[in-house]
PDB file of N, CA and C in Angstrom:
ATOM      1  N   MET A   1     -41.971 202.381 -60.239  1.00  0.00           N
ATOM      2  CA  MET A   1     -42.015 200.983 -59.893  1.00  0.00           C
ATOM      3  C   MET A   1     -42.651 200.843 -58.522  1.00  0.00           C
ATOM      4  N   GLY A   2     -43.695 200.074 -58.447  1.00  0.00           N
ATOM      5  CA  GLY A   2     -44.423 199.927 -57.206  1.00  0.00           C
ATOM      6  C   GLY A   2     -43.965 198.721 -56.416  1.00  0.00           C
ATOM      7  N   LEU A   3     -44.442 198.670 -55.207  1.00  0.00           N
ATOM      8  CA  LEU A   3     -44.123 197.534 -54.340  1.00  0.00           C
ATOM      9  C   LEU A   3     -44.921 196.312 -54.767  1.00  0.00           C
ATOM     10  N   ASN A   4     -44.315 195.171 -54.652  1.00  0.00           N
ATOM     11  CA  ASN A   4     -45.003 193.925 -54.966  1.00  0.00           C
ATOM     12  C   ASN A   4     -45.627 193.420 -53.671  1.00  0.00           C
ATOM     13  N   THR A   5     -46.907 193.692 -53.477  1.00  0.00           N
ATOM     14  CA  THR A   5     -47.587 193.309 -52.237  1.00  0.00           C
ATOM     15  C   THR A   5     -48.649 192.267 -52.540  1.00  0.00           C
ATOM     16  N   LYS A   6     -48.219 191.141 -52.991  1.00  0.00           N
ATOM     17  CA  LYS A   6     -49.144 190.055 -53.322  1.00  0.00           C
ATOM     18  C   LYS A   6     -49.602 189.381 -52.032  1.00  0.00           C
ATOM     19  N   ASN A   7     -50.886 189.282 -51.847  1.00  0.00           N
ATOM     20  CA  ASN A   7     -51.463 188.661 -50.658  1.00  0.00           C
ATOM     21  C   ASN A   7     -51.487 187.146 -50.853  1.00  0.00           C
ATOM     22  N   ASN A   8     -51.005 186.412 -49.872  1.00  0.00           N
ATOM     23  CA  ASN A   8     -50.978 184.949 -49.969  1.00  0.00           C
ATOM     24  C   ASN A   8     -52.374 184.348 -50.093  1.00  0.00           C
ATOM     25  N   HIS A   9     -53.370 185.024 -49.545  1.00  0.00           N
ATOM     26  CA  HIS A   9     -54.735 184.498 -49.612  1.00  0.00           C
ATOM     27  C   HIS A   9     -55.291 184.566 -51.028  1.00  0.00           C
ATOM     28  N   GLU A  10     -54.729 185.444 -51.835  1.00  0.00           N
ATOM     29  CA  GLU A  10     -55.180 185.547 -53.213  1.00  0.00           C
ATOM     30  C   GLU A  10     -54.599 184.434 -54.076  1.00  0.00           C
ATOM     31  N   SER A  11     -53.526 183.828 -53.615  1.00  0.00           N
ATOM     32  CA  SER A  11     -52.846 182.795 -54.385  1.00  0.00           C
ATOM     33  C   SER A  11     -53.497 181.440 -54.140  1.00  0.00           C
ATOM     34  N   PRO A  12     -53.969 180.797 -55.194  1.00  0.00           N
ATOM     35  CA  PRO A  12     -54.561 179.463 -55.005  1.00  0.00           C
ATOM     36  C   PRO A  12     -53.517 178.412 -54.643  1.00  0.00           C
ATOM     37  N   GLN A  13     -52.240 178.724 -54.845  1.00  0.00           N
ATOM     38  CA  GLN A  13     -51.186 177.756 -54.549  1.00  0.00           C
ATOM     39  C   GLN A  13     -51.172 177.393 -53.070  1.00  0.00           C
ATOM     40  N   GLY A  14     -51.390 178.362 -52.195  1.00  0.00           N
ATOM     41  CA  GLY A  14     -51.428 178.096 -50.758  1.00  0.00           C
ATOM     42  C   GLY A  14     -52.551 177.143 -50.400  1.00  0.00           C
ATOM     43  N   LEU A  15     -53.705 177.350 -51.009  1.00  0.00           N
ATOM     44  CA  LEU A  15     -54.849 176.471 -50.752  1.00  0.00           C
ATOM     45  C   LEU A  15     -54.603 175.081 -51.315  1.00  0.00           C
ATOM     46  N   GLU A  16     -53.951 175.019 -52.468  1.00  0.00           N
ATOM     47  CA  GLU A  16     -53.633 173.718 -53.062  1.00  0.00           C
ATOM     48  C   GLU A  16     -52.684 172.940 -52.165  1.00  0.00           C
ATOM     49  N   THR A  17     -51.729 173.642 -51.561  1.00  0.00           N
ATOM     50  CA  THR A  17     -50.768 172.986 -50.668  1.00  0.00           C
ATOM     51  C   THR A  17     -51.483 172.400 -49.462  1.00  0.00           C
ATOM     52  N   VAL A  18     -52.389 173.167 -48.867  1.00  0.00           N
ATOM     53  CA  VAL A  18     -53.145 172.686 -47.708  1.00  0.00           C
ATOM     54  C   VAL A  18     -53.985 171.481 -48.098  1.00  0.00           C
ATOM     55  N   SER A  19     -54.619 171.555 -49.258  1.00  0.00           N
ATOM     56  CA  SER A  19     -55.440 170.444 -49.738  1.00  0.00           C
ATOM     57  C   SER A  19     -54.589 169.204 -49.974  1.00  0.00           C
ATOM     58  N   THR A  20     -53.418 169.395 -50.574  1.00  0.00           N
ATOM     59  CA  THR A  20     -52.521 168.267 -50.843  1.00  0.00           C
ATOM     60  C   THR A  20     -52.037 167.638 -49.546  1.00  0.00           C
ATOM     61  N   ILE A  21     -51.679 168.458 -48.573  1.00  0.00           N
ATOM     62  CA  ILE A  21     -51.222 167.943 -47.275  1.00  0.00           C
ATOM     63  C   ILE A  21     -52.331 167.128 -46.626  1.00  0.00           C
ATOM     64  N   LYS A  22     -53.554 167.636 -46.691  1.00  0.00           N
ATOM     65  CA  LYS A  22     -54.690 166.911 -46.106  1.00  0.00           C
ATOM     66  C   LYS A  22     -54.899 165.572 -46.813  1.00  0.00           C
ATOM     67  N   GLN A  23     -54.772 165.556 -48.140  1.00  0.00           N
ATOM     68  CA  GLN A  23     -54.926 164.313 -48.896  1.00  0.00           C
ATOM     69  C   GLN A  23     -53.836 163.314 -48.517  1.00  0.00           C
ATOM     70  N   VAL A  24     -52.615 163.801 -48.355  1.00  0.00           N
ATOM     71  CA  VAL A  24     -51.505 162.926 -47.969  1.00  0.00           C
ATOM     72  C   VAL A  24     -51.757 162.343 -46.589  1.00  0.00           C
ATOM     73  N   GLU A  25     -52.207 163.172 -45.647  1.00  0.00           N
ATOM     74  CA  GLU A  25     -52.488 162.689 -44.297  1.00  0.00           C
ATOM     75  C   GLU A  25     -53.595 161.642 -44.309  1.00  0.00           C
ATOM     76  N   GLU A  26     -54.644 161.879 -45.100  1.00  0.00           N
ATOM     77  CA  GLU A  26     -55.736 160.906 -45.195  1.00  0.00           C
ATOM     78  C   GLU A  26     -55.246 159.598 -45.815  1.00  0.00           C
ATOM     79  N   PHE A  27     -54.400 159.704 -46.835  1.00  0.00           N
ATOM     80  CA  PHE A  27     -53.850 158.515 -47.477  1.00  0.00           C
ATOM     81  C   PHE A  27     -52.989 157.725 -46.495  1.00  0.00           C
ATOM     82  N   GLU A  28     -52.149 158.428 -45.727  1.00  0.00           N
ATOM     83  CA  GLU A  28     -51.291 157.755 -44.746  1.00  0.00           C
ATOM     84  C   GLU A  28     -52.129 157.047 -43.686  1.00  0.00           C
ATOM     85  N   GLU A  29     -53.206 157.686 -43.242  1.00  0.00           N
ATOM     86  CA  GLU A  29     -54.080 157.075 -42.240  1.00  0.00           C
ATOM     87  C   GLU A  29     -54.742 155.818 -42.806  1.00  0.00           C
ATOM     88  N   GLN A  30     -55.219 155.898 -44.035  1.00  0.00           N
ATOM     89  CA  GLN A  30     -55.840 154.736 -44.675  1.00  0.00           C
ATOM     90  C   GLN A  30     -54.824 153.612 -44.837  1.00  0.00           C
ATOM     91  N   LEU A  31     -53.621 153.956 -45.231  1.00  0.00           N
ATOM     92  CA  LEU A  31     -52.558 152.966 -45.402  1.00  0.00           C
ATOM     93  C   LEU A  31     -52.218 152.297 -44.069  1.00  0.00           C
ATOM     94  N   ARG A  32     -52.152 153.100 -43.002  1.00  0.00           N
ATOM     95  CA  ARG A  32     -51.885 152.555 -41.666  1.00  0.00           C
ATOM     96  C   ARG A  32     -52.957 151.543 -41.269  1.00  0.00           C
ATOM     97  N   GLU A  33     -54.225 151.904 -41.504  1.00  0.00           N
ATOM     98  CA  GLU A  33     -55.329 151.010 -41.155  1.00  0.00           C
ATOM     99  C   GLU A  33     -55.264 149.714 -41.957  1.00  0.00           C
ATOM    100  N   GLU A  34     -54.963 149.824 -43.253  1.00  0.00           N
ATOM    101  CA  GLU A  34     -54.875 148.631 -44.096  1.00  0.00           C
ATOM    102  C   GLU A  34     -53.706 147.745 -43.667  1.00  0.00           C
ATOM    103  N   ASN A  35     -52.581 148.359 -43.346  1.00  0.00           N
ATOM    104  CA  ASN A  35     -51.418 147.588 -42.894  1.00  0.00           C
ATOM    105  C   ASN A  35     -51.708 146.886 -41.572  1.00  0.00           C
ATOM    106  N   LEU A  36     -52.409 147.572 -40.678  1.00  0.00           N
ATOM    107  CA  LEU A  36     -52.762 146.963 -39.401  1.00  0.00           C
ATOM    108  C   LEU A  36     -53.692 145.781 -39.617  1.00  0.00           C
ATOM    109  N   HIS A  37     -54.626 145.917 -40.549  1.00  0.00           N
ATOM    110  CA  HIS A  37     -55.548 144.820 -40.867  1.00  0.00           C
ATOM    111  C   HIS A  37     -54.775 143.613 -41.410  1.00  0.00           C
ATOM    112  N   ILE A  38     -53.840 143.869 -42.326  1.00  0.00           N
ATOM    113  CA  ILE A  38     -53.022 142.784 -42.886  1.00  0.00           C
ATOM    114  C   ILE A  38     -52.182 142.138 -41.794  1.00  0.00           C
ATOM    115  N   TYR A  39     -51.600 142.944 -40.917  1.00  0.00           N
ATOM    116  CA  TYR A  39     -50.785 142.421 -39.822  1.00  0.00           C
ATOM    117  C   TYR A  39     -51.618 141.519 -38.913  1.00  0.00           C
ATOM    118  N   ARG A  40     -52.837 141.962 -38.591  1.00  0.00           N
ATOM    119  CA  ARG A  40     -53.703 141.149 -37.720  1.00  0.00           C
ATOM    120  C   ARG A  40     -54.070 139.833 -38.387  1.00  0.00           C
ATOM    121  N   GLN A  41     -54.341 139.869 -39.692  1.00  0.00           N
ATOM    122  CA  GLN A  41     -54.644 138.627 -40.413  1.00  0.00           C
ATOM    123  C   GLN A  41     -53.445 137.685 -40.371  1.00  0.00           C
ATOM    124  N   PHE A  42     -52.264 138.227 -40.585  1.00  0.00           N
ATOM    125  CA  PHE A  42     -51.041 137.423 -40.556  1.00  0.00           C
ATOM    126  C   PHE A  42     -50.847 136.798 -39.183  1.00  0.00           C
ATOM    127  N   ARG A  43     -51.022 137.576 -38.125  1.00  0.00           N
ATOM    128  CA  ARG A  43     -50.837 137.057 -36.766  1.00  0.00           C
ATOM    129  C   ARG A  43     -51.877 135.980 -36.458  1.00  0.00           C
ATOM    130  N   LEU A  44     -53.105 136.164 -36.921  1.00  0.00           N
ATOM    131  CA  LEU A  44     -54.147 135.166 -36.699  1.00  0.00           C
ATOM    132  C   LEU A  44     -53.790 133.867 -37.402  1.00  0.00           C
ATOM    133  N   LYS A  45     -53.382 133.957 -38.664  1.00  0.00           N
ATOM    134  CA  LYS A  45     -52.997 132.752 -39.406  1.00  0.00           C
ATOM    135  C   LYS A  45     -51.774 132.102 -38.773  1.00  0.00           C
ATOM    136  N   ASP A  46     -50.846 132.910 -38.306  1.00  0.00           N
ATOM    137  CA  ASP A  46     -49.650 132.397 -37.651  1.00  0.00           C
ATOM    138  C   ASP A  46     -50.028 131.655 -36.364  1.00  0.00           C
ATOM    139  N   SER A  47     -50.948 132.226 -35.601  1.00  0.00           N
ATOM    140  CA  SER A  47     -51.400 131.584 -34.358  1.00  0.00           C
ATOM    141  C   SER A  47     -52.099 130.257 -34.646  1.00  0.00           C
ATOM    142  N   ILE A  48     -52.917 130.237 -35.686  1.00  0.00           N
ATOM    143  CA  ILE A  48     -53.620 129.002 -36.057  1.00  0.00           C
ATOM    144  C   ILE A  48     -52.613 127.939 -36.477  1.00  0.00           C
ATOM    145  N   ALA A  49     -51.621 128.335 -37.273  1.00  0.00           N
ATOM    146  CA  ALA A  49     -50.596 127.382 -37.716  1.00  0.00           C
ATOM    147  C   ALA A  49     -49.801 126.854 -36.528  1.00  0.00           C
ATOM    148  N   GLU A  50     -49.479 127.724 -35.575  1.00  0.00           N
ATOM    149  CA  GLU A  50     -48.749 127.286 -34.376  1.00  0.00           C
ATOM    150  C   GLU A  50     -49.575 126.294 -33.572  1.00  0.00           C
ATOM    151  N   ALA A  51     -50.867 126.580 -33.412  1.00  0.00           N
ATOM    152  CA  ALA A  51     -51.738 125.691 -32.654  1.00  0.00           C
ATOM    153  C   ALA A  51     -51.834 124.330 -33.338  1.00  0.00           C
ATOM    154  N   LYS A  52     -51.971 124.324 -34.652  1.00  0.00           N
ATOM    155  CA  LYS A  52     -52.028 123.053 -35.381  1.00  0.00           C
ATOM    156  C   LYS A  52     -50.717 122.296 -35.240  1.00  0.00           C
ATOM    157  N   ASN A  53     -49.613 123.012 -35.284  1.00  0.00           N
ATOM    158  CA  ASN A  53     -48.297 122.398 -35.148  1.00  0.00           C
ATOM    159  C   ASN A  53     -48.136 121.783 -33.756  1.00  0.00           C
ATOM    160  N   GLN A  54     -48.603 122.484 -32.739  1.00  0.00           N
ATOM    161  CA  GLN A  54     -48.518 121.947 -31.376  1.00  0.00           C
ATOM    162  C   GLN A  54     -49.406 120.721 -31.228  1.00  0.00           C
ATOM    163  N   ASP A  55     -50.599 120.758 -31.823  1.00  0.00           N
ATOM    164  CA  ASP A  55     -51.491 119.596 -31.778  1.00  0.00           C
ATOM    165  C   ASP A  55     -50.846 118.400 -32.465  1.00  0.00           C
ATOM    166  N   THR A  56     -50.187 118.630 -33.574  1.00  0.00           N
ATOM    167  CA  THR A  56     -49.515 117.554 -34.304  1.00  0.00           C
ATOM    168  C   THR A  56     -48.375 116.986 -33.472  1.00  0.00           C
ATOM    169  N   ASN A  57     -47.618 117.856 -32.835  1.00  0.00           N
ATOM    170  CA  ASN A  57     -46.501 117.406 -32.000  1.00  0.00           C
ATOM    171  C   ASN A  57     -46.991 116.590 -30.814  1.00  0.00           C
ATOM    172  N   ILE A  58     -48.096 116.990 -30.223  1.00  0.00           N
ATOM    173  CA  ILE A  58     -48.654 116.253 -29.082  1.00  0.00           C
ATOM    174  C   ILE A  58     -49.150 114.888 -29.550  1.00  0.00           C
ATOM    175  N   SER A  59     -49.810 114.845 -30.714  1.00  0.00           N
ATOM    176  CA  SER A  59     -50.342 113.588 -31.242  1.00  0.00           C
ATOM    177  C   SER A  59     -49.233 112.603 -31.566  1.00  0.00           C
ATOM    178  N   THR A  60     -48.125 113.068 -32.087  1.00  0.00           N
ATOM    179  CA  THR A  60     -47.040 112.160 -32.467  1.00  0.00           C
ATOM    180  C   THR A  60     -46.241 111.700 -31.263  1.00  0.00           C
ATOM    181  N   CYS A  61     -46.309 112.427 -30.163  1.00  0.00           N
ATOM    182  CA  CYS A  61     -45.557 112.042 -28.964  1.00  0.00           C
ATOM    183  C   CYS A  61     -46.272 110.948 -28.186  1.00  0.00           C
ATOM    184  N   GLU A  62     -47.549 110.816 -28.363  1.00  0.00           N
ATOM    185  CA  GLU A  62     -48.315 109.835 -27.580  1.00  0.00           C
ATOM    186  C   GLU A  62     -48.271 108.467 -28.177  1.00  0.00           C
TER     187      GLU A  62
END
């Protein structure tokens, strides 16, 4: 019975794991960018709505 000396570099599983981790990291980065874009759109619309609301309040007070 011989020693089991399997080299990790021969196993494609190690390379698949690295590839999967890289794909996950790229996906997370893309998701972060998309979420930031949505957040900025929301804040812009919120600011516009606030400005319109303030203009309406000023108009009704006069």
